[in-house]
């Protein structure tokens, strides 16, 4: 049984759930639009340029979770799924996941976006194994802090290695699909790296190494 790993944002989704959660918070008046929107754009640009300070970003993005009870956050997330995420789940992405499912591969999403945002999205794809950045919860409430290592860049490799050991799995025959040069540490570890609607840096690396390049979404 081979492991088929998918990045989430701009890979399985035709958009970025982390950025869009911030947009949702602004649109609902949950956060101050002027301040939050500006910072959300800045962090997203830094991510695309490969210079994101992940801890600084997480302090920003997890703070709103700490300001509201879990049941209210979950209610908002259901609305977020309907309005922002469901339109980004394309037939092509579902077909790719189903192709690996039919082969009997073990399916996983690995993403830097936090688990509050991404767990329901993984469930929508029917993928049971998720490695995401974990927000700390104490007594049923988010603290605004990170629990453990963020699954970002080399952190994705570290988190995956721990998961492999825990579940007695290996990377034999493994696949990893990603759009971003930030995922090169993990792309270089699997047997079958695939660039999906890649950014310029990843496309260049994929061409150099002969990795497949696929255009999974009609529009991004």
Protein backbone atom coordinates (compact mmCIF):
# COMPACT_ATOMS: atom_id res chain seq x y z
CA UNK A 1 0.00 0.00 0.00
CA UNK A 2 1.64 3.24 -1.20
CA UNK A 3 1.13 6.57 0.52
CA UNK A 4 -0.48 9.26 -1.65
CA UNK A 5 0.09 12.66 -0.05
CA UNK A 6 -1.63 15.85 -1.15
CA UNK A 7 -0.91 19.43 -0.25
CA UNK A 8 -4.20 21.25 0.22
CA UNK A 9 -4.12 24.94 -0.69
CA UNK A 10 -3.82 25.62 -4.41
CA UNK A 11 -3.29 21.88 -4.92
CA UNK A 12 -6.40 19.92 -4.02
CA UNK A 13 -8.25 23.21 -3.59
CA UNK A 14 -8.39 25.78 -6.37
CA UNK A 15 -7.54 28.45 -3.81
CA UNK A 16 -6.02 28.98 -0.37
CA UNK A 17 -8.17 28.04 2.63
CA UNK A 18 -5.90 29.79 5.13
CA UNK A 19 -6.10 33.11 3.30
CA UNK A 20 -9.81 32.70 2.64
CA UNK A 21 -10.57 32.01 6.30
CA UNK A 22 -9.11 35.45 7.00
CA UNK A 23 -11.27 36.89 4.24
CA UNK A 24 -14.32 35.22 5.77
CA UNK A 25 -13.54 36.70 9.18
CA UNK A 26 -13.33 40.15 7.61
CA UNK A 27 -16.54 39.72 5.59
CA UNK A 28 -18.47 38.64 8.70
CA UNK A 29 -17.17 41.54 10.76
CA UNK A 30 -15.52 39.14 13.22
CA UNK A 31 -12.19 40.97 12.93
CA UNK A 32 -11.27 44.54 12.03
CA UNK A 33 -11.23 44.49 8.23
CA UNK A 34 -8.72 47.27 7.62
CA UNK A 35 -6.04 45.84 9.88
CA UNK A 36 -6.64 42.14 9.35
CA UNK A 37 -7.00 42.26 5.58
CA UNK A 38 -3.76 44.19 5.18
CA UNK A 39 -1.82 41.74 7.34
CA UNK A 40 -3.48 38.73 5.71
CA UNK A 41 -2.32 39.93 2.28
CA UNK A 42 1.18 40.62 3.57
CA UNK A 43 1.62 37.17 5.04
CA UNK A 44 0.24 35.50 1.93
CA UNK A 45 2.68 37.41 -0.27
CA UNK A 46 5.57 36.47 2.02
CA UNK A 47 4.50 32.83 1.80
CA UNK A 48 4.49 32.92 -2.00
CA UNK A 49 7.94 34.52 -1.96
CA UNK A 50 9.30 31.88 0.42
CA UNK A 51 10.13 34.29 3.24
CA UNK A 52 7.22 33.75 5.62
CA UNK A 53 7.98 33.77 9.34
CA UNK A 54 5.63 30.93 10.24
CA UNK A 55 5.57 31.70 13.97
CA UNK A 56 4.70 35.35 13.37
CA UNK A 57 1.97 34.31 10.97
CA UNK A 58 0.50 31.76 13.37
CA UNK A 59 0.39 34.29 16.19
CA UNK A 60 -1.68 36.43 13.83
CA UNK A 61 -3.91 33.73 12.33
CA UNK A 62 -4.65 31.72 15.48
CA UNK A 63 -5.48 34.71 17.66
CA UNK A 64 -9.11 35.01 16.45
CA UNK A 65 -9.72 31.37 17.43
CA UNK A 66 -8.85 32.24 21.02
CA UNK A 67 -11.47 34.99 21.16
CA UNK A 68 -14.56 32.84 20.64
CA UNK A 69 -16.05 29.61 22.04
CA UNK A 70 -15.61 26.45 20.01
CA UNK A 71 -19.28 26.00 19.16
CA UNK A 72 -19.43 29.50 17.65
CA UNK A 73 -16.25 28.86 15.65
CA UNK A 74 -17.67 25.60 14.33
CA UNK A 75 -20.87 27.32 13.29
CA UNK A 76 -18.86 29.93 11.39
CA UNK A 77 -16.75 27.21 9.81
CA UNK A 78 -19.81 25.44 8.39
CA UNK A 79 -20.80 28.70 6.73
CA UNK A 80 -17.21 29.16 5.52
CA UNK A 81 -17.28 25.71 3.93
CA UNK A 82 -20.50 26.42 2.05
CA UNK A 83 -19.58 29.88 0.81
CA UNK A 84 -15.82 29.71 0.28
CA UNK A 85 -14.54 26.13 0.14
CA UNK A 86 -17.13 24.02 -1.65
CA UNK A 87 -16.79 26.11 -4.84
CA UNK A 88 -13.02 25.39 -4.81
CA UNK A 89 -13.39 21.60 -4.82
CA UNK A 90 -13.15 20.71 -8.47
CA UNK A 91 -14.09 17.56 -10.34
CA UNK A 92 -10.45 17.18 -11.38
CA UNK A 93 -9.24 17.19 -7.79
CA UNK A 94 -11.87 14.67 -6.71
CA UNK A 95 -10.96 12.44 -9.66
CA UNK A 96 -7.26 12.51 -8.71
CA UNK A 97 -8.04 11.48 -5.14
CA UNK A 98 -10.41 8.76 -6.37
CA UNK A 99 -7.73 7.43 -8.74
CA UNK A 100 -5.41 6.80 -5.81
CA UNK A 101 -8.26 5.44 -3.73
CA UNK A 102 -9.09 2.88 -6.43
CA UNK A 103 -5.45 1.79 -6.46
CA UNK A 104 -5.69 1.07 -2.76
CA UNK A 105 -3.23 3.80 -1.80
CA UNK A 106 -3.24 5.29 1.68
CA UNK A 107 -4.49 8.87 1.35
CA UNK A 108 -3.15 11.81 3.32
CA UNK A 109 -3.35 15.61 3.28
CA UNK A 110 -0.36 17.47 4.66
CA UNK A 111 -0.70 21.21 5.03
CA UNK A 112 0.71 24.18 6.89
CA UNK A 113 -2.81 25.52 7.40
CA UNK A 114 -4.16 24.86 10.87
CA UNK A 115 -6.27 21.83 11.67
CA UNK A 116 -9.34 23.86 12.69
CA UNK A 117 -9.61 25.16 9.15
CA UNK A 118 -8.51 22.02 7.32
CA UNK A 119 -9.98 19.01 9.14
CA UNK A 120 -13.50 19.51 7.73
CA UNK A 121 -11.99 20.00 4.25
CA UNK A 122 -10.07 16.73 4.49
CA UNK A 123 -13.31 15.06 5.56
CA UNK A 124 -15.08 16.52 2.51
CA UNK A 125 -12.47 14.79 0.30
CA UNK A 126 -12.92 11.55 2.23
CA UNK A 127 -9.30 11.60 3.38
CA UNK A 128 -8.84 10.27 6.89
CA UNK A 129 -5.18 11.08 7.48
CA UNK A 130 -4.35 14.76 8.00
CA UNK A 131 -1.11 16.37 9.10
CA UNK A 132 -1.76 20.05 9.76
CA UNK A 133 -0.47 22.74 12.06
CA UNK A 134 -2.16 22.06 15.41
CA UNK A 135 -3.65 24.94 17.42
CA UNK A 136 -3.32 24.42 21.15
CA UNK A 137 -6.58 23.73 23.01
CA UNK A 138 -6.96 23.92 26.79
CA UNK A 139 -10.25 23.00 28.45
CA UNK A 140 -12.13 23.08 25.17
CA UNK A 141 -10.92 26.49 24.05
CA UNK A 142 -8.21 27.57 21.62
CA UNK A 143 -5.35 29.46 23.24
CA UNK A 144 -4.00 31.19 20.12
CA UNK A 145 -0.76 29.18 20.41
CA UNK A 146 0.68 26.32 18.39
CA UNK A 147 0.89 22.78 19.74
CA UNK A 148 4.09 21.16 18.49
CA UNK A 149 5.95 21.89 15.28
CA UNK A 150 4.10 23.65 12.46
CA UNK A 151 3.83 21.48 9.34
CA UNK A 152 5.57 24.04 7.16
CA UNK A 153 8.56 23.52 4.84
CA UNK A 154 10.98 21.17 6.65
CA UNK A 155 8.38 20.82 9.38
CA UNK A 156 6.24 18.82 6.96
CA UNK A 157 9.07 16.31 6.65
CA UNK A 158 9.54 16.11 10.42
CA UNK A 159 5.83 15.65 11.09
CA UNK A 160 5.52 13.03 8.36
CA UNK A 161 8.52 11.09 9.64
CA UNK A 162 6.93 10.95 13.09
CA UNK A 163 3.65 9.78 11.57
CA UNK A 164 5.39 7.07 9.53
CA UNK A 165 7.10 5.73 12.62
CA UNK A 166 3.92 5.82 14.68
CA UNK A 167 1.90 4.00 12.00
CA UNK A 168 4.67 1.64 10.86
CA UNK A 169 4.52 2.97 7.31
CA UNK A 170 7.22 3.92 4.82
CA UNK A 171 7.69 6.14 1.77
CA UNK A 172 8.12 3.17 -0.57
CA UNK A 173 6.15 3.99 -3.71
CA UNK A 174 4.96 7.27 -2.20
CA UNK A 175 3.45 10.22 -4.06
CA UNK A 176 3.30 13.89 -3.13
CA UNK A 177 1.33 16.54 -5.01
CA UNK A 178 2.06 20.22 -4.39
CA UNK A 179 1.90 23.62 -6.04
CA UNK A 180 4.57 25.40 -3.98
CA UNK A 181 8.34 25.65 -3.81
CA UNK A 182 7.87 25.76 -0.03
CA UNK A 183 7.19 22.02 -0.27
CA UNK A 184 10.47 21.11 -1.96
CA UNK A 185 11.87 19.42 1.19
CA UNK A 186 9.05 16.87 1.07
CA UNK A 187 8.84 16.65 -2.72
CA UNK A 188 12.48 15.60 -2.71
CA UNK A 189 11.79 12.80 -0.21
CA UNK A 190 9.00 10.89 -1.95
CA UNK A 191 9.39 8.49 -4.86
CA UNK A 192 6.84 10.25 -7.08
CA UNK A 193 6.83 14.05 -6.69
CA UNK A 194 4.22 15.84 -8.81
CA UNK A 195 3.97 19.59 -9.37
CA UNK A 196 0.35 20.78 -9.51
CA UNK A 197 -0.33 24.18 -11.08
CA UNK A 198 3.17 25.02 -9.76
CA UNK A 199 4.57 28.41 -8.89
CA UNK A 200 7.51 29.54 -11.00
CA UNK A 201 10.23 28.26 -8.67
CA UNK A 202 8.65 24.82 -8.36
CA UNK A 203 8.00 24.59 -12.08
CA UNK A 204 11.67 25.26 -12.79
CA UNK A 205 12.76 22.62 -10.29
CA UNK A 206 10.28 20.10 -11.68
CA UNK A 207 11.58 20.68 -15.20
CA UNK A 208 15.17 20.26 -14.03
CA UNK A 209 14.40 16.94 -12.33
CA UNK A 210 11.88 15.62 -14.83
CA UNK A 211 9.01 15.60 -12.35
CA UNK A 212 5.50 15.46 -13.82
CA UNK A 213 3.69 18.80 -14.03
CA UNK A 214 -0.09 18.69 -14.08
CA UNK A 215 -2.71 21.41 -14.44
CA UNK A 216 -5.34 20.21 -12.03
CA UNK A 217 -7.55 23.28 -12.00
CA UNK A 218 -8.86 25.23 -14.93
CA UNK A 219 -8.47 28.46 -12.97
CA UNK A 220 -6.54 29.52 -9.87
